[in-house]
Amino acid sequence: MKPVEHNLPVTINQILSWVKQCTAQERDIILKELITDKQALQFASEKSLAKDWISEEEDEAWKNL
């Protein structure tokens, strides 16, 4: 499994910088929206999960399924 490439007009660092400028209430709203948005949650989790999933050992373990 390879990480998904994207063509976003902004970088993740730009998004994080913007979020850091939000109030605590605004950040809570953003977080609640992200948690209920399955695609956003999947995107946010992808890099973290890739550390365990993208490996020769993992491919070997799942090759017969």
Protein backbone atom coordinates (compact mmCIF):
# COMPACT_ATOMS: atom_id res chain seq x y z
CA MET A 1 0.00 0.00 0.00
CA LYS A 2 1.43 3.37 -1.01
CA PRO A 3 0.59 6.74 0.56
CA VAL A 4 -1.96 8.75 -1.42
CA GLU A 5 -0.51 11.62 -3.41
CA HIS A 6 -2.46 14.87 -3.62
CA ASN A 7 -2.48 18.14 -5.47
CA LEU A 8 -3.64 20.42 -2.69
CA PRO A 9 -2.91 24.11 -3.22
CA VAL A 10 -1.56 24.35 0.35
CA THR A 11 0.84 22.31 2.44
CA ILE A 12 -0.03 20.55 5.67
CA ASN A 13 2.27 23.01 7.47
CA GLN A 14 0.24 25.92 6.13
CA ILE A 15 -2.94 24.28 7.37
CA LEU A 16 -1.43 23.62 10.80
CA SER A 17 -0.21 27.21 10.99
CA TRP A 18 -3.73 28.42 10.27
CA VAL A 19 -5.24 26.08 12.87
CA LYS A 20 -2.76 27.32 15.49
CA GLN A 21 -4.08 30.84 14.92
CA CYS A 22 -7.66 29.77 15.66
CA THR A 23 -9.24 30.20 19.06
CA ALA A 24 -9.69 27.17 21.30
CA GLN A 25 -13.40 27.17 20.45
CA GLU A 26 -12.65 27.21 16.71
CA ARG A 27 -10.14 24.37 17.12
CA ASP A 28 -12.75 22.33 19.00
CA ILE A 29 -15.19 22.82 16.12
CA ILE A 30 -12.55 21.81 13.56
CA LEU A 31 -11.63 18.72 15.59
CA LYS A 32 -15.26 17.64 15.95
CA GLU A 33 -15.78 18.05 12.20
CA LEU A 34 -12.65 16.04 11.40
CA ILE A 35 -13.61 13.23 13.75
CA THR A 36 -17.06 12.90 12.15
CA ASP A 37 -15.66 13.14 8.60
CA LYS A 38 -14.48 9.62 7.74
CA GLN A 39 -12.37 10.73 4.78
CA ALA A 40 -10.63 13.42 6.83
CA LEU A 41 -9.99 10.95 9.64
CA GLN A 42 -8.56 8.45 7.16
CA PHE A 43 -6.28 11.12 5.66
CA ALA A 44 -5.11 12.27 9.08
CA SER A 45 -4.36 8.71 10.15
CA GLU A 46 -2.63 7.58 6.97
CA LYS A 47 0.90 8.76 7.74
CA SER A 48 0.81 7.39 11.27
CA LEU A 49 -0.56 4.02 10.21
CA ALA A 50 1.81 3.77 7.25
CA LYS A 51 4.72 3.29 9.65
CA ASP A 52 3.30 -0.11 10.60
CA TRP A 53 1.53 -1.04 7.37
CA ILE A 54 4.04 -0.21 4.67
CA SER A 55 6.71 -2.81 5.21
CA GLU A 56 8.03 -5.98 3.62
CA GLU A 57 6.99 -7.96 6.71
CA GLU A 58 3.42 -6.66 6.51
CA ASP A 59 3.18 -7.46 2.80
CA GLU A 60 4.47 -10.98 3.49
CA ALA A 61 1.97 -11.53 6.29
CA TRP A 62 -1.01 -10.57 4.09
CA LYS A 63 0.06 -12.01 0.72
CA ASN A 64 -2.21 -15.08 0.92
CA LEU A 65 -5.41 -13.18 1.64
